[in-house]
Amino acid sequence: MAEHEDDIEADAETGTETKFDPEKFEEKYVYYFEELETAYSNAYQQLHGRVDSEVLRAIDRQVLSESEPIYEGNGEFSVELPDDPKSRVGAIGADEEQFEAVLSEFTDRIEGELRRLFGFDAAA
């Protein structure tokens, strides 16, 4: 664990960057767990109060809890979703279009937060 702490240049909570190593991202839950939690939490907070809270909460708990952040290379990240995300949330007060819009914006914001936290996109 001390090796991981040495790689952290600054605390993720302060919005500053963490030194990124693509090879260590293969074991992201060992080396970058706090940064991943921060990215997901920040994305949630950015949408809270702007989109339907029932839809947001369902996506967070039932879909994104089973998602996988992926480093694509060249400073780009993606979020791999579980199969059939809409069926995972059950009956919520949103049609397919609203659900997909919130899910898309949520994952876009997570990807942006990952770029920002790892120093690839200071404007995210």
Protein backbone atom coordinates (compact mmCIF):
# COMPACT_ATOMS: atom_id res chain seq x y z
CA MET A 1 0.00 0.00 0.00
CA ALA A 2 2.88 2.38 0.69
CA GLU A 3 3.95 2.08 -2.94
CA HIS A 4 0.51 3.32 -4.02
CA GLU A 5 0.68 6.22 -1.58
CA ASP A 6 4.04 7.24 -3.03
CA ASP A 7 2.46 7.47 -6.48
CA ILE A 8 -0.16 9.93 -5.32
CA GLU A 9 1.02 13.45 -6.02
CA ALA A 10 -1.98 15.10 -4.40
CA ASP A 11 -5.24 14.18 -2.72
CA ALA A 12 -8.05 13.46 -5.20
CA GLU A 13 -10.58 15.20 -2.94
CA THR A 14 -8.88 18.54 -3.53
CA GLY A 15 -9.36 18.23 -7.27
CA THR A 16 -5.68 17.90 -7.98
CA GLU A 17 -4.08 15.28 -10.16
CA THR A 18 -2.86 11.79 -9.35
CA LYS A 19 0.20 10.42 -11.11
CA PHE A 20 -1.18 7.96 -13.67
CA ASP A 21 0.43 4.71 -14.78
CA PRO A 22 -1.49 2.86 -17.53
CA GLU A 23 -0.03 -0.48 -16.44
CA LYS A 24 -1.27 0.03 -12.88
CA PHE A 25 -4.74 0.84 -14.23
CA GLU A 26 -5.02 -2.84 -15.15
CA GLU A 27 -5.25 -3.35 -11.37
CA LYS A 28 -7.27 -0.18 -10.85
CA TYR A 29 -9.02 -1.36 -7.69
CA VAL A 30 -5.66 -1.89 -6.01
CA TYR A 31 -3.91 1.30 -7.11
CA TYR A 32 -6.66 3.79 -7.97
CA PHE A 33 -9.70 2.85 -5.89
CA GLU A 34 -10.04 6.27 -4.23
CA GLU A 35 -9.75 8.09 -7.55
CA LEU A 36 -12.42 5.84 -9.09
CA GLU A 37 -14.76 6.48 -6.17
CA THR A 38 -14.13 10.22 -6.47
CA ALA A 39 -14.83 10.24 -10.22
CA TYR A 40 -18.13 8.38 -9.82
CA SER A 41 -19.16 10.51 -6.83
CA ASN A 42 -18.30 13.80 -8.54
CA ALA A 43 -20.27 12.78 -11.64
CA TYR A 44 -23.27 11.90 -9.46
CA GLN A 45 -23.10 15.23 -7.62
CA GLN A 46 -22.91 17.15 -10.90
CA LEU A 47 -26.21 15.59 -12.01
CA HIS A 48 -27.97 15.62 -8.63
CA GLY A 49 -30.78 18.17 -8.75
CA ARG A 50 -30.52 18.50 -12.54
CA VAL A 51 -32.07 15.18 -13.56
CA ASP A 52 -34.80 12.95 -12.12
CA SER A 53 -33.42 11.73 -8.77
CA GLU A 54 -35.16 8.34 -9.00
CA VAL A 55 -33.56 7.66 -12.38
CA LEU A 56 -30.15 8.93 -11.24
CA ARG A 57 -30.20 6.83 -8.07
CA ALA A 58 -31.35 3.70 -9.96
CA ILE A 59 -28.58 4.08 -12.54
CA ASP A 60 -25.99 4.66 -9.83
CA ARG A 61 -27.01 1.68 -7.70
CA GLN A 62 -28.14 -0.87 -10.27
CA VAL A 63 -26.09 -0.12 -13.39
CA LEU A 64 -22.93 1.81 -12.56
CA SER A 65 -22.22 -0.31 -9.49
CA GLU A 66 -21.58 -3.12 -11.99
CA SER A 67 -19.74 -1.00 -14.56
CA GLU A 68 -16.07 -1.15 -15.41
CA PRO A 69 -13.95 1.93 -16.08
CA ILE A 70 -11.51 1.26 -18.92
CA TYR A 71 -8.39 3.19 -19.92
CA GLU A 72 -8.46 3.37 -23.73
CA GLY A 73 -5.07 5.06 -24.15
CA ASN A 74 -4.08 8.61 -25.12
CA GLY A 75 -5.71 10.01 -22.00
CA GLU A 76 -9.15 8.62 -22.84
CA PHE A 77 -11.39 6.54 -20.59
CA SER A 78 -14.65 4.72 -21.17
CA VAL A 79 -17.19 3.10 -18.89
CA GLU A 80 -18.17 -0.44 -19.84
CA LEU A 81 -21.75 -1.09 -18.78
CA PRO A 82 -23.35 -4.39 -17.81
CA ASP A 83 -25.67 -6.04 -20.34
CA ASP A 84 -29.16 -4.57 -20.71
CA PRO A 85 -28.85 -1.67 -18.24
CA LYS A 86 -32.52 -0.62 -18.46
CA SER A 87 -33.80 -4.01 -17.29
CA ARG A 88 -31.46 -3.87 -14.27
CA VAL A 89 -33.27 -0.88 -12.78
CA GLY A 90 -36.77 -2.34 -12.96
CA ALA A 91 -39.78 -0.04 -13.03
CA ILE A 92 -38.84 3.59 -12.61
CA GLY A 93 -40.65 6.75 -13.63
CA ALA A 94 -38.70 7.23 -16.85
CA ASP A 95 -39.17 6.20 -20.44
CA GLU A 96 -36.37 4.64 -22.47
CA GLU A 97 -35.29 7.98 -23.94
CA GLN A 98 -35.01 9.72 -20.55
CA PHE A 99 -33.19 6.73 -19.04
CA GLU A 100 -30.68 6.61 -21.91
CA ALA A 101 -30.09 10.37 -21.74
CA VAL A 102 -29.30 10.28 -18.00
CA LEU A 103 -27.13 7.17 -18.37
CA SER A 104 -25.19 8.73 -21.25
CA GLU A 105 -24.61 12.01 -19.42
CA PHE A 106 -23.60 10.16 -16.24
CA THR A 107 -21.02 8.01 -18.05
CA ASP A 108 -19.71 11.03 -20.00
CA ARG A 109 -19.18 12.87 -16.73
CA ILE A 110 -17.42 9.88 -15.14
CA GLU A 111 -15.07 9.70 -18.11
CA GLY A 112 -14.42 13.44 -17.84
CA GLU A 113 -13.74 13.18 -14.12
CA LEU A 114 -11.26 10.36 -14.72
CA ARG A 115 -9.44 12.48 -17.32
CA ARG A 116 -9.37 15.41 -14.90
CA LEU A 117 -8.27 13.42 -11.84
CA PHE A 118 -5.44 11.79 -13.77
CA GLY A 119 -4.29 15.06 -15.35
CA PHE A 120 -5.37 14.46 -18.95
CA ASP A 121 -8.00 17.18 -19.16
CA ALA A 122 -7.70 20.19 -16.88
CA ALA A 123 -10.93 21.65 -18.32
CA ALA A 124 -13.17 18.68 -17.37
